[in-house]
C-alpha cells in the first residue's frame, strides 16, 4: 500500500488513528465527507448539538457509549454503528473510555 498526501478526488489517503492529534475531536481527513475521531474518557459527554445539512454515521470502535439523538437514546458498543439526520441534536456520552469515528456527509442536493 502507498500513502498519499495529495487531496485530489481520485487519490487514496491512509491515516493511523493513533497518530491523530486533538482531544476529544481529531480531524481524520481534510475535505468531504468530514470525518472525525472522537475520544472520550469514562463519563465525558459532548453537549447536545446539530450538524445541519448533513447525514451522520457514528461508529464506536472501542468502549461503550450512549448516543442521544433528539429524544432517542441509544447504547452502542464497539463495532456498532448509528446513522441519523444531522438536523437532529446529538449528544454522545462515554460509559467507559471510548473511541468513535464520526462521518458527516453533506446531504445530496436535488
C-alpha atoms as a PDB file:
ATOM      1  CA  UNK A   1       0.000   0.000   0.000  1.00  0.00           C
ATOM      2  CA  UNK A   2       1.108   3.506  -0.709  1.00  0.00           C
ATOM      3  CA  UNK A   3       0.454   6.526   1.463  1.00  0.00           C
ATOM      4  CA  UNK A   4      -0.714   9.580  -0.436  1.00  0.00           C
ATOM      5  CA  UNK A   5      -0.626  13.184   0.675  1.00  0.00           C
ATOM      6  CA  UNK A   6      -2.422  14.637  -2.328  1.00  0.00           C
ATOM      7  CA  UNK A   7      -6.005  15.830  -1.979  1.00  0.00           C
ATOM      8  CA  UNK A   8      -7.437  15.118  -5.422  1.00  0.00           C
ATOM      9  CA  UNK A   9     -10.738  13.179  -5.580  1.00  0.00           C
ATOM     10  CA  UNK A  10      -9.004  10.192  -7.152  1.00  0.00           C
ATOM     11  CA  UNK A  11      -6.279   9.984  -4.505  1.00  0.00           C
ATOM     12  CA  UNK A  12      -6.130   7.432  -1.734  1.00  0.00           C
ATOM     13  CA  UNK A  13      -5.360   8.614   1.786  1.00  0.00           C
ATOM     14  CA  UNK A  14      -4.252   6.435   4.666  1.00  0.00           C
ATOM     15  CA  UNK A  15      -4.303   7.523   8.309  1.00  0.00           C
ATOM     16  CA  UNK A  16      -3.472   5.874  11.613  1.00  0.00           C
ATOM     17  CA  UNK A  17      -5.975   6.927  14.273  1.00  0.00           C
ATOM     18  CA  UNK A  18      -3.290   6.683  16.961  1.00  0.00           C
ATOM     19  CA  UNK A  19      -1.215   9.428  15.330  1.00  0.00           C
ATOM     20  CA  UNK A  20      -4.026  11.989  15.128  1.00  0.00           C
ATOM     21  CA  UNK A  21      -3.706  14.961  17.438  1.00  0.00           C
ATOM     22  CA  UNK A  22      -6.557  16.616  19.274  1.00  0.00           C
ATOM     23  CA  UNK A  23      -8.860  15.508  22.079  1.00  0.00           C
ATOM     24  CA  UNK A  24     -11.705  14.858  22.134  1.00  0.00           C
ATOM     25  CA  UNK A  25     -12.037  15.610  18.377  1.00  0.00           C
ATOM     26  CA  UNK A  26      -9.376  14.954  15.750  1.00  0.00           C
ATOM     27  CA  UNK A  27      -9.992  15.560  12.042  1.00  0.00           C
ATOM     28  CA  UNK A  28      -9.154  12.336  10.168  1.00  0.00           C
ATOM     29  CA  UNK A  29      -9.136  13.666   6.583  1.00  0.00           C
ATOM     30  CA  UNK A  30      -9.364  17.112   5.041  1.00  0.00           C
ATOM     31  CA  UNK A  31     -12.294  17.823   2.747  1.00  0.00           C
ATOM     32  CA  UNK A  32     -15.525  15.899   2.378  1.00  0.00           C
ATOM     33  CA  UNK A  33     -17.027  13.914   3.844  1.00  0.00           C
ATOM     34  CA  UNK A  34     -15.944  15.418   7.164  1.00  0.00           C
ATOM     35  CA  UNK A  35     -14.500  12.570   9.227  1.00  0.00           C
ATOM     36  CA  UNK A  36     -13.647  12.930  12.921  1.00  0.00           C
ATOM     37  CA  UNK A  37     -12.157  10.645  15.556  1.00  0.00           C
ATOM     38  CA  UNK A  38     -13.935  11.196  18.870  1.00  0.00           C
ATOM     39  CA  UNK A  39     -12.147  10.061  22.040  1.00  0.00           C
ATOM     40  CA  UNK A  40     -13.948  10.368  25.363  1.00  0.00           C
ATOM     41  CA  UNK A  41     -12.892   9.403  28.885  1.00  0.00           C
ATOM     42  CA  UNK A  42     -15.348   7.499  31.058  1.00  0.00           C
ATOM     43  CA  UNK A  43     -18.215   9.819  31.983  1.00  0.00           C
ATOM     44  CA  UNK A  44     -17.201  12.514  29.478  1.00  0.00           C
ATOM     45  CA  UNK A  45     -20.040  13.912  27.362  1.00  0.00           C
ATOM     46  CA  UNK A  46     -20.301  16.148  24.313  1.00  0.00           C
ATOM     47  CA  UNK A  47     -23.070  18.754  24.774  1.00  0.00           C
ATOM     48  CA  UNK A  48     -26.126  18.454  22.518  1.00  0.00           C
ATOM     49  CA  UNK A  49     -25.513  19.966  19.079  1.00  0.00           C
ATOM     50  CA  UNK A  50     -26.675  19.542  15.484  1.00  0.00           C
ATOM     51  CA  UNK A  51     -24.985  19.128  12.084  1.00  0.00           C
ATOM     52  CA  UNK A  52     -27.442  20.834   9.717  1.00  0.00           C
ATOM     53  CA  UNK A  53     -27.268  19.786   6.079  1.00  0.00           C
ATOM     54  CA  UNK A  54     -25.501  16.507   6.863  1.00  0.00           C
ATOM     55  CA  UNK A  55     -26.148  12.818   7.337  1.00  0.00           C
ATOM     56  CA  UNK A  56     -24.167  11.383  10.246  1.00  0.00           C
ATOM     57  CA  UNK A  57     -22.668   7.920  10.692  1.00  0.00           C
ATOM     58  CA  UNK A  58     -21.416   7.261  14.234  1.00  0.00           C
ATOM     59  CA  UNK A  59     -19.215   4.136  14.594  1.00  0.00           C
ATOM     60  CA  UNK A  60     -17.952   3.076  18.023  1.00  0.00           C
ATOM     61  CA  UNK A  61     -14.513   1.476  17.662  1.00  0.00           C
ATOM     62  CA  UNK A  62     -13.656   0.984  21.344  1.00  0.00           C
ATOM     63  CA  UNK A  63     -15.635   1.122  24.555  1.00  0.00           C
ATOM     64  CA  UNK A  64     -19.303   1.763  25.187  1.00  0.00           C
ATOM     65  CA  UNK A  65     -21.317   4.969  24.751  1.00  0.00           C
ATOM     66  CA  UNK A  66     -24.819   6.310  24.965  1.00  0.00           C
ATOM     67  CA  UNK A  67     -25.675   8.487  21.997  1.00  0.00           C
ATOM     68  CA  UNK A  68     -28.735  10.662  22.444  1.00  0.00           C
ATOM     69  CA  UNK A  69     -30.243  11.728  19.112  1.00  0.00           C
ATOM     70  CA  UNK A  70     -33.174  14.052  19.606  1.00  0.00           C
ATOM     71  CA  UNK A  71     -35.317  12.312  22.228  1.00  0.00           C
ATOM     72  CA  UNK A  72     -33.953   8.829  21.434  1.00  0.00           C
ATOM     73  CA  UNK A  73     -31.156   7.281  23.489  1.00  0.00           C
ATOM     74  CA  UNK A  74     -29.001   4.511  22.024  1.00  0.00           C
ATOM     75  CA  UNK A  75     -26.386   2.443  23.840  1.00  0.00           C
ATOM     76  CA  UNK A  76     -23.614   1.435  21.452  1.00  0.00           C
ATOM     77  CA  UNK A  77     -20.740  -0.980  21.993  1.00  0.00           C
ATOM     78  CA  UNK A  78     -17.546  -1.392  19.990  1.00  0.00           C
ATOM     79  CA  UNK A  79     -18.408  -2.459  16.451  1.00  0.00           C
ATOM     80  CA  UNK A  80     -21.879  -0.891  16.415  1.00  0.00           C
ATOM     81  CA  UNK A  81     -22.960   1.991  14.172  1.00  0.00           C
ATOM     82  CA  UNK A  82     -25.713   4.563  14.179  1.00  0.00           C
ATOM     83  CA  UNK A  83     -26.879   6.658  11.210  1.00  0.00           C
ATOM     84  CA  UNK A  84     -29.083   9.734  11.587  1.00  0.00           C
ATOM     85  CA  UNK A  85     -30.033  13.087  10.098  1.00  0.00           C
ATOM     86  CA  UNK A  86     -27.732  15.865  11.280  1.00  0.00           C
ATOM     87  CA  UNK A  87     -30.698  18.201  11.745  1.00  0.00           C
ATOM     88  CA  UNK A  88     -31.394  16.288  14.975  1.00  0.00           C
ATOM     89  CA  UNK A  89     -29.362  17.204  18.053  1.00  0.00           C
ATOM     90  CA  UNK A  90     -26.821  14.630  19.164  1.00  0.00           C
ATOM     91  CA  UNK A  91     -25.002  14.181  22.477  1.00  0.00           C
ATOM     92  CA  UNK A  92     -22.616  11.234  22.941  1.00  0.00           C
ATOM     93  CA  UNK A  93     -21.508  10.156  26.437  1.00  0.00           C
ATOM     94  CA  UNK A  94     -18.821   7.589  27.246  1.00  0.00           C
ATOM     95  CA  UNK A  95     -19.861   4.859  29.683  1.00  0.00           C
ATOM     96  CA  UNK A  96     -16.197   3.798  29.663  1.00  0.00           C
ATOM     97  CA  UNK A  97     -13.182   5.126  27.769  1.00  0.00           C
ATOM     98  CA  UNK A  98     -14.372   5.143  24.159  1.00  0.00           C
ATOM     99  CA  UNK A  99     -13.226   5.925  20.635  1.00  0.00           C
ATOM    100  CA  UNK A 100     -15.597   6.538  17.734  1.00  0.00           C
ATOM    101  CA  UNK A 101     -15.354   7.600  14.122  1.00  0.00           C
ATOM    102  CA  UNK A 102     -17.981  10.121  13.059  1.00  0.00           C
ATOM    103  CA  UNK A 103     -18.590  10.708   9.348  1.00  0.00           C
ATOM    104  CA  UNK A 104     -20.588  13.819   8.441  1.00  0.00           C
ATOM    105  CA  UNK A 105     -21.644  13.630   4.803  1.00  0.00           C
ATOM    106  CA  UNK A 106     -23.243  16.581   3.067  1.00  0.00           C
ATOM    107  CA  UNK A 107     -26.862  15.966   2.093  1.00  0.00           C
ATOM    108  CA  UNK A 108     -27.215  15.489  -1.650  1.00  0.00           C
ATOM    109  CA  UNK A 109     -28.819  18.408  -3.421  1.00  0.00           C
ATOM    110  CA  UNK A 110     -31.719  17.528  -5.639  1.00  0.00           C
END
